[in-house]
Amino acid sequence: MERKFNRPHGKVDDNQEVFRVRLPRGKETLGILEQRLGGSRMRVRCLDGKTRICRVPGRLKKKLWIREGDILLIEPWVLGGDEKGDVIFKYKPNQVDWLKKNGHLKEVEDFEEF
């Protein structure tokens, strides 16, 4: 019988290749998680210059584990778009490196100075 996993649980494979990185489409924007507020809500500083109170939708609650400093893809709400939004994707570290290398996260360096 062959083992399905080549690495022990909890270990991350550093040699992961990035095949496709999801980029913002339409009204979506990138953001950095500033603070967890509880109840699947969080304060996110978006790259469009606004700070929004965002939530993780119910379909992603069990799948999406988020910590402060993570780079997220945010979809602003139609009503109250400047104040609230939904988290729809979390970027992995190798994807964040790809975004920085290709110039999609130039604004992040400005935010990190504060």
PDB file of N, CA and C in Angstrom:
ATOM      1  N   MET A   1       0.835  -1.182   0.000  1.00  0.00           N
ATOM      2  CA  MET A   1       0.000   0.000   0.000  1.00  0.00           C
ATOM      3  C   MET A   1       0.879   1.245   0.000  1.00  0.00           C
ATOM      4  N   GLU A   2       0.553   2.197  -0.815  1.00  0.00           N
ATOM      5  CA  GLU A   2       1.358   3.402  -1.013  1.00  0.00           C
ATOM      6  C   GLU A   2       0.824   4.550  -0.162  1.00  0.00           C
ATOM      7  N   ARG A   3       1.749   5.339   0.423  1.00  0.00           N
ATOM      8  CA  ARG A   3       1.348   6.510   1.208  1.00  0.00           C
ATOM      9  C   ARG A   3       0.858   7.612   0.291  1.00  0.00           C
ATOM     10  N   LYS A   4      -0.229   8.267   0.708  1.00  0.00           N
ATOM     11  CA  LYS A   4      -0.763   9.351  -0.104  1.00  0.00           C
ATOM     12  C   LYS A   4       0.010  10.640   0.095  1.00  0.00           C
ATOM     13  N   PHE A   5       0.556  10.837   1.282  1.00  0.00           N
ATOM     14  CA  PHE A   5       1.221  12.102   1.595  1.00  0.00           C
ATOM     15  C   PHE A   5       2.732  11.877   1.693  1.00  0.00           C
ATOM     16  N   ASN A   6       3.502  12.734   1.066  1.00  0.00           N
ATOM     17  CA  ASN A   6       4.951  12.635   1.116  1.00  0.00           C
ATOM     18  C   ASN A   6       5.551  13.427   2.260  1.00  0.00           C
ATOM     19  N   ARG A   7       4.736  14.234   2.937  1.00  0.00           N
ATOM     20  CA  ARG A   7       5.250  15.059   4.023  1.00  0.00           C
ATOM     21  C   ARG A   7       4.370  14.877   5.252  1.00  0.00           C
ATOM     22  N   PRO A   8       4.940  15.065   6.444  1.00  0.00           N
ATOM     23  CA  PRO A   8       4.133  14.960   7.661  1.00  0.00           C
ATOM     24  C   PRO A   8       3.114  16.085   7.737  1.00  0.00           C
ATOM     25  N   HIS A   9       2.041  15.846   8.472  1.00  0.00           N
ATOM     26  CA  HIS A   9       1.005  16.866   8.625  1.00  0.00           C
ATOM     27  C   HIS A   9       1.572  18.075   9.340  1.00  0.00           C
ATOM     28  N   GLY A  10       1.151  19.257   8.930  1.00  0.00           N
ATOM     29  CA  GLY A  10       1.617  20.488   9.552  1.00  0.00           C
ATOM     30  C   GLY A  10       2.836  21.083   8.885  1.00  0.00           C
ATOM     31  N   LYS A  11       3.491  20.346   8.009  1.00  0.00           N
ATOM     32  CA  LYS A  11       4.676  20.859   7.318  1.00  0.00           C
ATOM     33  C   LYS A  11       4.250  21.464   5.993  1.00  0.00           C
ATOM     34  N   VAL A  12       4.865  22.585   5.657  1.00  0.00           N
ATOM     35  CA  VAL A  12       4.550  23.259   4.396  1.00  0.00           C
ATOM     36  C   VAL A  12       5.682  23.002   3.424  1.00  0.00           C
ATOM     37  N   ASP A  13       5.322  22.651   2.225  1.00  0.00           N
ATOM     38  CA  ASP A  13       6.308  22.406   1.180  1.00  0.00           C
ATOM     39  C   ASP A  13       6.742  23.747   0.587  1.00  0.00           C
ATOM     40  N   ASP A  14       8.015  24.115   0.755  1.00  0.00           N
ATOM     41  CA  ASP A  14       8.515  25.403   0.286  1.00  0.00           C
ATOM     42  C   ASP A  14       8.712  25.446  -1.227  1.00  0.00           C
ATOM     43  N   ASN A  15       8.700  24.309  -1.887  1.00  0.00           N
ATOM     44  CA  ASN A  15       8.955  24.257  -3.319  1.00  0.00           C
ATOM     45  C   ASN A  15       7.667  24.307  -4.141  1.00  0.00           C
ATOM     46  N   GLN A  16       6.615  24.892  -3.584  1.00  0.00           N
ATOM     47  CA  GLN A  16       5.353  24.966  -4.302  1.00  0.00           C
ATOM     48  C   GLN A  16       5.486  25.922  -5.482  1.00  0.00           C
ATOM     49  N   GLU A  17       4.937  25.524  -6.604  1.00  0.00           N
ATOM     50  CA  GLU A  17       4.937  26.391  -7.770  1.00  0.00           C
ATOM     51  C   GLU A  17       3.615  27.135  -7.826  1.00  0.00           C
ATOM     52  N   VAL A  18       3.670  28.359  -8.300  1.00  0.00           N
ATOM     53  CA  VAL A  18       2.464  29.145  -8.461  1.00  0.00           C
ATOM     54  C   VAL A  18       2.017  29.008  -9.910  1.00  0.00           C
ATOM     55  N   PHE A  19       0.871  28.404 -10.113  1.00  0.00           N
ATOM     56  CA  PHE A  19       0.375  28.244 -11.468  1.00  0.00           C
ATOM     57  C   PHE A  19      -0.538  29.399 -11.849  1.00  0.00           C
ATOM     58  N   ARG A  20      -1.520  29.690 -11.007  1.00  0.00           N
ATOM     59  CA  ARG A  20      -2.443  30.781 -11.276  1.00  0.00           C
ATOM     60  C   ARG A  20      -2.667  31.543  -9.990  1.00  0.00           C
ATOM     61  N   VAL A  21      -2.514  32.831 -10.064  1.00  0.00           N
ATOM     62  CA  VAL A  21      -2.774  33.695  -8.918  1.00  0.00           C
ATOM     63  C   VAL A  21      -4.020  34.497  -9.238  1.00  0.00           C
ATOM     64  N   ARG A  22      -4.974  34.466  -8.338  1.00  0.00           N
ATOM     65  CA  ARG A  22      -6.228  35.185  -8.576  1.00  0.00           C
ATOM     66  C   ARG A  22      -5.998  36.677  -8.395  1.00  0.00           C
ATOM     67  N   LEU A  23      -6.340  37.448  -9.400  1.00  0.00           N
ATOM     68  CA  LEU A  23      -6.194  38.894  -9.367  1.00  0.00           C
ATOM     69  C   LEU A  23      -7.560  39.548  -9.180  1.00  0.00           C
ATOM     70  N   PRO A  24      -7.599  40.770  -8.643  1.00  0.00           N
ATOM     71  CA  PRO A  24      -8.883  41.454  -8.455  1.00  0.00           C
ATOM     72  C   PRO A  24      -9.574  41.720  -9.786  1.00  0.00           C
ATOM     73  N   ARG A  25     -10.880  41.462  -9.816  1.00  0.00           N
ATOM     74  CA  ARG A  25     -11.689  41.726 -11.000  1.00  0.00           C
ATOM     75  C   ARG A  25     -12.822  42.660 -10.614  1.00  0.00           C
ATOM     76  N   GLY A  26     -13.160  43.569 -11.459  1.00  0.00           N
ATOM     77  CA  GLY A  26     -14.288  44.457 -11.203  1.00  0.00           C
ATOM     78  C   GLY A  26     -14.059  45.345  -9.995  1.00  0.00           C
ATOM     79  N   LYS A  27     -14.939  45.247  -9.019  1.00  0.00           N
ATOM     80  CA  LYS A  27     -14.851  46.088  -7.822  1.00  0.00           C
ATOM     81  C   LYS A  27     -13.987  45.474  -6.730  1.00  0.00           C
ATOM     82  N   GLU A  28     -13.457  44.278  -6.937  1.00  0.00           N
ATOM     83  CA  GLU A  28     -12.633  43.623  -5.923  1.00  0.00           C
ATOM     84  C   GLU A  28     -11.338  44.401  -5.718  1.00  0.00           C
ATOM     85  N   THR A  29     -10.797  44.324  -4.498  1.00  0.00           N
ATOM     86  CA  THR A  29      -9.557  45.007  -4.180  1.00  0.00           C
ATOM     87  C   THR A  29      -8.733  44.146  -3.234  1.00  0.00           C
ATOM     88  N   LEU A  30      -7.439  44.403  -3.190  1.00  0.00           N
ATOM     89  CA  LEU A  30      -6.557  43.707  -2.265  1.00  0.00           C
ATOM     90  C   LEU A  30      -6.544  44.450  -0.940  1.00  0.00           C
ATOM     91  N   GLY A  31      -6.281  43.729   0.141  1.00  0.00           N
ATOM     92  CA  GLY A  31      -6.234  44.363   1.450  1.00  0.00           C
ATOM     93  C   GLY A  31      -5.349  43.591   2.409  1.00  0.00           C
ATOM     94  N   ILE A  32      -4.985  44.253   3.515  1.00  0.00           N
ATOM     95  CA  ILE A  32      -4.159  43.660   4.556  1.00  0.00           C
ATOM     96  C   ILE A  32      -4.984  43.604   5.835  1.00  0.00           C
ATOM     97  N   LEU A  33      -5.017  42.450   6.473  1.00  0.00           N
ATOM     98  CA  LEU A  33      -5.771  42.300   7.711  1.00  0.00           C
ATOM     99  C   LEU A  33      -5.058  43.047   8.832  1.00  0.00           C
ATOM    100  N   GLU A  34      -5.746  44.024   9.418  1.00  0.00           N
ATOM    101  CA  GLU A  34      -5.178  44.802  10.517  1.00  0.00           C
ATOM    102  C   GLU A  34      -5.517  44.210  11.871  1.00  0.00           C
ATOM    103  N   GLN A  35      -6.798  43.855  12.067  1.00  0.00           N
ATOM    104  CA  GLN A  35      -7.230  43.428  13.383  1.00  0.00           C
ATOM    105  C   GLN A  35      -8.425  42.489  13.283  1.00  0.00           C
ATOM    106  N   ARG A  36      -8.388  41.402  14.069  1.00  0.00           N
ATOM    107  CA  ARG A  36      -9.542  40.513  14.184  1.00  0.00           C
ATOM    108  C   ARG A  36     -10.486  41.100  15.207  1.00  0.00           C
ATOM    109  N   LEU A  37     -11.762  41.145  14.901  1.00  0.00           N
ATOM    110  CA  LEU A  37     -12.748  41.750  15.797  1.00  0.00           C
ATOM    111  C   LEU A  37     -13.652  40.718  16.455  1.00  0.00           C
ATOM    112  N   GLY A  38     -13.622  39.488  16.020  1.00  0.00           N
ATOM    113  CA  GLY A  38     -14.458  38.447  16.592  1.00  0.00           C
ATOM    114  C   GLY A  38     -15.715  38.242  15.770  1.00  0.00           C
ATOM    115  N   GLY A  39     -16.274  37.048  15.866  1.00  0.00           N
ATOM    116  CA  GLY A  39     -17.491  36.748  15.135  1.00  0.00           C
ATOM    117  C   GLY A  39     -17.307  36.780  13.635  1.00  0.00           C
ATOM    118  N   SER A  40     -16.182  36.307  13.135  1.00  0.00           N
ATOM    119  CA  SER A  40     -15.805  36.268  11.720  1.00  0.00           C
ATOM    120  C   SER A  40     -15.727  37.660  11.095  1.00  0.00           C
ATOM    121  N   ARG A  41     -15.576  38.680  11.914  1.00  0.00           N
ATOM    122  CA  ARG A  41     -15.418  40.046  11.422  1.00  0.00           C
ATOM    123  C   ARG A  41     -13.978  40.498  11.655  1.00  0.00           C
ATOM    124  N   MET A  42     -13.522  41.424  10.809  1.00  0.00           N
ATOM    125  CA  MET A  42     -12.148  41.907  10.923  1.00  0.00           C
ATOM    126  C   MET A  42     -12.026  43.283  10.288  1.00  0.00           C
ATOM    127  N   ARG A  43     -10.994  44.018  10.679  1.00  0.00           N
ATOM    128  CA  ARG A  43     -10.710  45.324  10.092  1.00  0.00           C
ATOM    129  C   ARG A  43      -9.602  45.119   9.066  1.00  0.00           C
ATOM    130  N   VAL A  44      -9.901  45.509   7.817  1.00  0.00           N
ATOM    131  CA  VAL A  44      -8.973  45.309   6.702  1.00  0.00           C
ATOM    132  C   VAL A  44      -8.654  46.655   6.080  1.00  0.00           C
ATOM    133  N   ARG A  45      -7.365  46.931   5.886  1.00  0.00           N
ATOM    134  CA  ARG A  45      -6.941  48.142   5.178  1.00  0.00           C
ATOM    135  C   ARG A  45      -6.774  47.785   3.716  1.00  0.00           C
ATOM    136  N   CYS A  46      -7.653  48.317   2.894  1.00  0.00           N
ATOM    137  CA  CYS A  46      -7.670  47.996   1.461  1.00  0.00           C
ATOM    138  C   CYS A  46      -6.695  48.900   0.703  1.00  0.00           C
ATOM    139  N   LEU A  47      -6.249  48.439  -0.458  1.00  0.00           N
ATOM    140  CA  LEU A  47      -5.282  49.185  -1.243  1.00  0.00           C
ATOM    141  C   LEU A  47      -5.906  50.348  -1.997  1.00  0.00           C
ATOM    142  N   ASP A  48      -7.234  50.496  -1.929  1.00  0.00           N
ATOM    143  CA  ASP A  48      -7.861  51.674  -2.516  1.00  0.00           C
ATOM    144  C   ASP A  48      -7.913  52.824  -1.511  1.00  0.00           C
ATOM    145  N   GLY A  49      -7.245  52.661  -0.353  1.00  0.00           N
ATOM    146  CA  GLY A  49      -7.128  53.734   0.627  1.00  0.00           C
ATOM    147  C   GLY A  49      -8.200  53.742   1.696  1.00  0.00           C
ATOM    148  N   LYS A  50      -9.088  52.767   1.703  1.00  0.00           N
ATOM    149  CA  LYS A  50     -10.178  52.738   2.672  1.00  0.00           C
ATOM    150  C   LYS A  50      -9.973  51.593   3.658  1.00  0.00           C
ATOM    151  N   THR A  51     -10.439  51.786   4.881  1.00  0.00           N
ATOM    152  CA  THR A  51     -10.428  50.723   5.883  1.00  0.00           C
ATOM    153  C   THR A  51     -11.853  50.219   6.022  1.00  0.00           C
ATOM    154  N   ARG A  52     -12.030  48.917   5.835  1.00  0.00           N
ATOM    155  CA  ARG A  52     -13.365  48.322   5.856  1.00  0.00           C
ATOM    156  C   ARG A  52     -13.477  47.289   6.969  1.00  0.00           C
ATOM    157  N   ILE A  53     -14.696  47.135   7.478  1.00  0.00           N
ATOM    158  CA  ILE A  53     -15.017  46.035   8.364  1.00  0.00           C
ATOM    159  C   ILE A  53     -15.501  44.906   7.457  1.00  0.00           C
ATOM    160  N   CYS A  54     -14.738  43.819   7.420  1.00  0.00           N
ATOM    161  CA  CYS A  54     -15.051  42.720   6.507  1.00  0.00           C
ATOM    162  C   CYS A  54     -15.431  41.478   7.293  1.00  0.00           C
ATOM    163  N   ARG A  55     -16.135  40.595   6.626  1.00  0.00           N
ATOM    164  CA  ARG A  55     -16.521  39.337   7.241  1.00  0.00           C
ATOM    165  C   ARG A  55     -16.174  38.197   6.305  1.00  0.00           C
ATOM    166  N   VAL A  56     -16.063  36.997   6.890  1.00  0.00           N
ATOM    167  CA  VAL A  56     -15.855  35.793   6.096  1.00  0.00           C
ATOM    168  C   VAL A  56     -17.228  35.187   5.855  1.00  0.00           C
ATOM    169  N   PRO A  57     -17.645  35.018   4.601  1.00  0.00           N
ATOM    170  CA  PRO A  57     -18.960  34.429   4.330  1.00  0.00           C
ATOM    171  C   PRO A  57     -19.062  33.006   4.878  1.00  0.00           C
ATOM    172  N   GLY A  58     -20.279  32.574   5.160  1.00  0.00           N
ATOM    173  CA  GLY A  58     -20.505  31.263   5.768  1.00  0.00           C
ATOM    174  C   GLY A  58     -19.922  30.108   4.983  1.00  0.00           C
ATOM    175  N   ARG A  59     -19.921  30.191   3.654  1.00  0.00           N
ATOM    176  CA  ARG A  59     -19.403  29.089   2.840  1.00  0.00           C
ATOM    177  C   ARG A  59     -17.894  28.926   2.987  1.00  0.00           C
ATOM    178  N   LEU A  60     -17.189  29.971   3.471  1.00  0.00           N
ATOM    179  CA  LEU A  60     -15.732  29.908   3.610  1.00  0.00           C
ATOM    180  C   LEU A  60     -15.261  29.832   5.060  1.00  0.00           C
ATOM    181  N   LYS A  61     -16.168  29.877   6.036  1.00  0.00           N
ATOM    182  CA  LYS A  61     -15.765  29.964   7.443  1.00  0.00           C
ATOM    183  C   LYS A  61     -14.856  28.825   7.876  1.00  0.00           C
ATOM    184  N   LYS A  62     -15.177  27.603   7.504  1.00  0.00           N
ATOM    185  CA  LYS A  62     -14.381  26.452   7.933  1.00  0.00           C
ATOM    186  C   LYS A  62     -13.088  26.311   7.126  1.00  0.00           C
ATOM    187  N   LYS A  63     -13.074  26.818   5.897  1.00  0.00           N
ATOM    188  CA  LYS A  63     -11.927  26.627   5.003  1.00  0.00           C
ATOM    189  C   LYS A  63     -10.868  27.715   5.142  1.00  0.00           C
ATOM    190  N   LEU A  64     -11.281  28.923   5.510  1.00  0.00           N
ATOM    191  CA  LEU A  64     -10.403  30.081   5.436  1.00  0.00           C
ATOM    192  C   LEU A  64      -9.955  30.509   6.835  1.00  0.00           C
ATOM    193  N   TRP A  65      -8.714  30.200   7.181  1.00  0.00           N
ATOM    194  CA  TRP A  65      -8.144  30.598   8.473  1.00  0.00           C
ATOM    195  C   TRP A  65      -7.253  31.802   8.223  1.00  0.00           C
ATOM    196  N   ILE A  66      -7.552  32.891   8.911  1.00  0.00           N
ATOM    197  CA  ILE A  66      -6.902  34.162   8.622  1.00  0.00           C
ATOM    198  C   ILE A  66      -6.233  34.698   9.870  1.00  0.00           C
ATOM    199  N   ARG A  67      -5.027  35.284   9.696  1.00  0.00           N
ATOM    200  CA  ARG A  67      -4.299  35.930  10.784  1.00  0.00           C
ATOM    201  C   ARG A  67      -3.964  37.358  10.395  1.00  0.00           C
ATOM    202  N   GLU A  68      -3.591  38.153  11.394  1.00  0.00           N
ATOM    203  CA  GLU A  68      -3.220  39.545  11.133  1.00  0.00           C
ATOM    204  C   GLU A  68      -2.006  39.592  10.220  1.00  0.00           C
ATOM    205  N   GLY A  69      -2.037  40.511   9.271  1.00  0.00           N
ATOM    206  CA  GLY A  69      -0.943  40.674   8.328  1.00  0.00           C
ATOM    207  C   GLY A  69      -1.134  39.902   7.033  1.00  0.00           C
ATOM    208  N   ASP A  70      -2.160  39.073   6.941  1.00  0.00           N
ATOM    209  CA  ASP A  70      -2.406  38.316   5.711  1.00  0.00           C
ATOM    210  C   ASP A  70      -2.899  39.238   4.597  1.00  0.00           C
ATOM    211  N   ILE A  71      -2.544  38.888   3.368  1.00  0.00           N
ATOM    212  CA  ILE A  71      -3.020  39.612   2.189  1.00  0.00           C
ATOM    213  C   ILE A  71      -4.293  38.924   1.715  1.00  0.00           C
ATOM    214  N   LEU A  72      -5.362  39.714   1.565  1.00  0.00           N
ATOM    215  CA  LEU A  72      -6.675  39.168   1.240  1.00  0.00           C
ATOM    216  C   LEU A  72      -7.250  39.830   0.000  1.00  0.00           C
ATOM    217  N   LEU A  73      -8.198  39.149  -0.615  1.00  0.00           N
ATOM    218  CA  LEU A  73      -8.968  39.709  -1.716  1.00  0.00           C
ATOM    219  C   LEU A  73     -10.345  40.067  -1.153  1.00  0.00           C
ATOM    220  N   ILE A  74     -10.707  41.339  -1.257  1.00  0.00           N
ATOM    221  CA  ILE A  74     -11.918  41.870  -0.633  1.00  0.00           C
ATOM    222  C   ILE A  74     -12.910  42.269  -1.717  1.00  0.00           C
ATOM    223  N   GLU A  75     -14.170  41.941  -1.480  1.00  0.00           N
ATOM    224  CA  GLU A  75     -15.247  42.394  -2.361  1.00  0.00           C
ATOM    225  C   GLU A  75     -16.128  43.360  -1.566  1.00  0.00           C
ATOM    226  N   PRO A  76     -16.078  44.667  -1.865  1.00  0.00           N
ATOM    227  CA  PRO A  76     -16.911  45.640  -1.131  1.00  0.00           C
ATOM    228  C   PRO A  76     -18.396  45.368  -1.344  1.00  0.00           C
ATOM    229  N   TRP A  77     -19.167  45.665  -0.300  1.00  0.00           N
ATOM    230  CA  TRP A  77     -20.614  45.510  -0.420  1.00  0.00           C
ATOM    231  C   TRP A  77     -21.173  46.578  -1.341  1.00  0.00           C
ATOM    232  N   VAL A  78     -22.271  46.251  -2.015  1.00  0.00           N
ATOM    233  CA  VAL A  78     -22.933  47.216  -2.896  1.00  0.00           C
ATOM    234  C   VAL A  78     -23.506  48.349  -2.047  1.00  0.00           C
ATOM    235  N   LEU A  79     -24.175  47.996  -0.947  1.00  0.00           N
ATOM    236  CA  LEU A  79     -24.679  48.990  -0.008  1.00  0.00           C
ATOM    237  C   LEU A  79     -23.646  49.160   1.094  1.00  0.00           C
ATOM    238  N   GLY A  80     -23.163  50.362   1.302  1.00  0.00           N
ATOM    239  CA  GLY A  80     -22.122  50.593   2.309  1.00  0.00           C
ATOM    240  C   GLY A  80     -20.765  50.123   1.839  1.00  0.00           C
ATOM    241  N   GLY A  81     -20.453  50.291   0.575  1.00  0.00           N
ATOM    242  CA  GLY A  81     -19.219  49.786  -0.013  1.00  0.00           C
ATOM    243  C   GLY A  81     -17.957  50.408   0.550  1.00  0.00           C
ATOM    244  N   ASP A  82     -18.059  51.627   1.086  1.00  0.00           N
ATOM    245  CA  ASP A  82     -16.873  52.255   1.646  1.00  0.00           C
ATOM    246  C   ASP A  82     -16.571  51.759   3.052  1.00  0.00           C
ATOM    247  N   GLU A  83     -17.522  51.105   3.688  1.00  0.00           N
ATOM    248  CA  GLU A  83     -17.353  50.722   5.091  1.00  0.00           C
ATOM    249  C   GLU A  83     -17.290  49.221   5.314  1.00  0.00           C
ATOM    250  N   LYS A  84     -17.924  48.417   4.447  1.00  0.00           N
ATOM    251  CA  LYS A  84     -18.021  46.982   4.699  1.00  0.00           C
ATOM    252  C   LYS A  84     -17.678  46.185   3.449  1.00  0.00           C
ATOM    253  N   GLY A  85     -17.333  44.900   3.675  1.00  0.00           N
ATOM    254  CA  GLY A  85     -17.012  44.038   2.553  1.00  0.00           C
ATOM    255  C   GLY A  85     -16.913  42.585   2.978  1.00  0.00           C
ATOM    256  N   ASP A  86     -16.698  41.707   2.013  1.00  0.00           N
ATOM    257  CA  ASP A  86     -16.538  40.276   2.240  1.00  0.00           C
ATOM    258  C   ASP A  86     -15.135  39.850   1.846  1.00  0.00           C
ATOM    259  N   VAL A  87     -14.566  38.918   2.617  1.00  0.00           N
ATOM    260  CA  VAL A  87     -13.284  38.310   2.267  1.00  0.00           C
ATOM    261  C   VAL A  87     -13.596  37.137   1.353  1.00  0.00           C
ATOM    262  N   ILE A  88     -13.026  37.128   0.165  1.00  0.00           N
ATOM    263  CA  ILE A  88     -13.336  36.044  -0.767  1.00  0.00           C
ATOM    264  C   ILE A  88     -12.127  35.159  -1.084  1.00  0.00           C
ATOM    265  N   PHE A  89     -10.914  35.605  -0.687  1.00  0.00           N
ATOM    266  CA  PHE A  89      -9.732  34.791  -0.979  1.00  0.00           C
ATOM    267  C   PHE A  89      -8.581  35.223  -0.090  1.00  0.00           C
ATOM    268  N   LYS A  90      -7.765  34.264   0.335  1.00  0.00           N
ATOM    269  CA  LYS A  90      -6.540  34.552   1.090  1.00  0.00           C
ATOM    270  C   LYS A  90      -5.361  34.069   0.258  1.00  0.00           C
ATOM    271  N   TYR A  91      -4.377  34.937   0.087  1.00  0.00           N
ATOM    272  CA  TYR A  91      -3.193  34.591  -0.703  1.00  0.00           C
ATOM    273  C   TYR A  91      -2.184  33.842   0.155  1.00  0.00           C
ATOM    274  N   LYS A  92      -1.590  32.809  -0.418  1.00  0.00           N
ATOM    275  CA  LYS A  92      -0.527  32.047   0.248  1.00  0.00           C
ATOM    276  C   LYS A  92       0.787  32.807   0.095  1.00  0.00           C
ATOM    277  N   PRO A  93       1.784  32.504   0.942  1.00  0.00           N
ATOM    278  CA  PRO A  93       3.051  33.267   0.889  1.00  0.00           C
ATOM    279  C   PRO A  93       3.726  33.277  -0.478  1.00  0.00           C
ATOM    280  N   ASN A  94       3.715  32.144  -1.191  1.00  0.00           N
ATOM    281  CA  ASN A  94       4.355  32.139  -2.512  1.00  0.00           C
ATOM    282  C   ASN A  94       3.560  32.975  -3.513  1.00  0.00           C
ATOM    283  N   GLN A  95       2.247  33.078  -3.336  1.00  0.00           N
ATOM    284  CA  GLN A  95       1.439  33.925  -4.205  1.00  0.00           C
ATOM    285  C   GLN A  95       1.679  35.402  -3.906  1.00  0.00           C
ATOM    286  N   VAL A  96       1.888  35.736  -2.618  1.00  0.00           N
ATOM    287  CA  VAL A  96       2.194  37.117  -2.237  1.00  0.00           C
ATOM    288  C   VAL A  96       3.524  37.535  -2.856  1.00  0.00           C
ATOM    289  N   ASP A  97       4.510  36.639  -2.837  1.00  0.00           N
ATOM    290  CA  ASP A  97       5.796  36.938  -3.469  1.00  0.00           C
ATOM    291  C   ASP A  97       5.621  37.212  -4.963  1.00  0.00           C
ATOM    292  N   TRP A  98       4.789  36.412  -5.630  1.00  0.00           N
ATOM    293  CA  TRP A  98       4.541  36.610  -7.050  1.00  0.00           C
ATOM    294  C   TRP A  98       3.870  37.953  -7.297  1.00  0.00           C
ATOM    295  N   LEU A  99       2.885  38.328  -6.454  1.00  0.00           N
ATOM    296  CA  LEU A  99       2.202  39.613  -6.602  1.00  0.00           C
ATOM    297  C   LEU A  99       3.171  40.778  -6.425  1.00  0.00           C
ATOM    298  N   LYS A 100       4.076  40.672  -5.444  1.00  0.00           N
ATOM    299  CA  LYS A 100       5.066  41.737  -5.224  1.00  0.00           C
ATOM    300  C   LYS A 100       6.027  41.831  -6.403  1.00  0.00           C
ATOM    301  N   LYS A 101       6.463  40.675  -6.893  1.00  0.00           N
ATOM    302  CA  LYS A 101       7.428  40.643  -7.993  1.00  0.00           C
ATOM    303  C   LYS A 101       6.843  41.250  -9.266  1.00  0.00           C
ATOM    304  N   ASN A 102       5.553  41.074  -9.475  1.00  0.00           N
ATOM    305  CA  ASN A 102       4.912  41.578 -10.691  1.00  0.00           C
ATOM    306  C   ASN A 102       4.256  42.935 -10.514  1.00  0.00           C
ATOM    307  N   GLY A 103       4.474  43.581  -9.373  1.00  0.00           N
ATOM    308  CA  GLY A 103       4.045  44.961  -9.202  1.00  0.00           C
ATOM    309  C   GLY A 103       2.603  45.179  -8.787  1.00  0.00           C
ATOM    310  N   HIS A 104       1.911  44.140  -8.337  1.00  0.00           N
ATOM    311  CA  HIS A 104       0.521  44.307  -7.922  1.00  0.00           C
ATOM    312  C   HIS A 104       0.404  44.808  -6.486  1.00  0.00           C
ATOM    313  N   LEU A 105       1.484  44.701  -5.706  1.00  0.00           N
ATOM    314  CA  LEU A 105       1.443  45.085  -4.290  1.00  0.00           C
ATOM    315  C   LEU A 105       2.396  46.232  -3.976  1.00  0.00           C
ATOM    316  N   LYS A 106       2.561  47.170  -4.893  1.00  0.00           N
ATOM    317  CA  LYS A 106       3.443  48.303  -4.632  1.00  0.00           C
ATOM    318  C   LYS A 106       2.923  49.153  -3.484  1.00  0.00           C
ATOM    319  N   GLU A 107       1.593  49.250  -3.348  1.00  0.00           N
ATOM    320  CA  GLU A 107       0.991  50.073  -2.310  1.00  0.00           C
ATOM    321  C   GLU A 107       1.196  49.482  -0.928  1.00  0.00           C
ATOM    322  N   VAL A 108       1.445  48.180  -0.818  1.00  0.00           N
ATOM    323  CA  VAL A 108       1.623  47.527   0.483  1.00  0.00           C
ATOM    324  C   VAL A 108       2.852  48.086   1.189  1.00  0.00           C
ATOM    325  N   GLU A 109       3.896  48.360   0.450  1.00  0.00           N
ATOM    326  CA  GLU A 109       5.110  48.899   1.058  1.00  0.00           C
ATOM    327  C   GLU A 109       4.841  50.255   1.689  1.00  0.00           C
ATOM    328  N   ASP A 110       3.951  51.053   1.089  1.00  0.00           N
ATOM    329  CA  ASP A 110       3.588  52.339   1.671  1.00  0.00           C
ATOM    330  C   ASP A 110       2.825  52.159   2.977  1.00  0.00           C
ATOM    331  N   PHE A 111       1.930  51.139   3.032  1.00  0.00           N
ATOM    332  CA  PHE A 111       1.142  50.911   4.233  1.00  0.00           C
ATOM    333  C   PHE A 111       2.007  50.394   5.378  1.00  0.00           C
ATOM    334  N   GLU A 112       3.030  49.608   5.069  1.00  0.00           N
ATOM    335  CA  GLU A 112       3.868  49.012   6.106  1.00  0.00           C
ATOM    336  C   GLU A 112       4.710  50.053   6.823  1.00  0.00           C
ATOM    337  N   GLU A 113       4.871  51.237   6.243  1.00  0.00           N
ATOM    338  CA  GLU A 113       5.651  52.299   6.882  1.00  0.00           C
ATOM    339  C   GLU A 113       4.933  52.883   8.082  1.00  0.00           C
ATOM    340  N   PHE A 114       3.609  52.849   8.099  1.00  0.00           N
ATOM    341  CA  PHE A 114       2.846  53.473   9.178  1.00  0.00           C
ATOM    342  C   PHE A 114       2.912  52.693  10.456  1.00  0.00           C
TER     343      PHE A 114
END
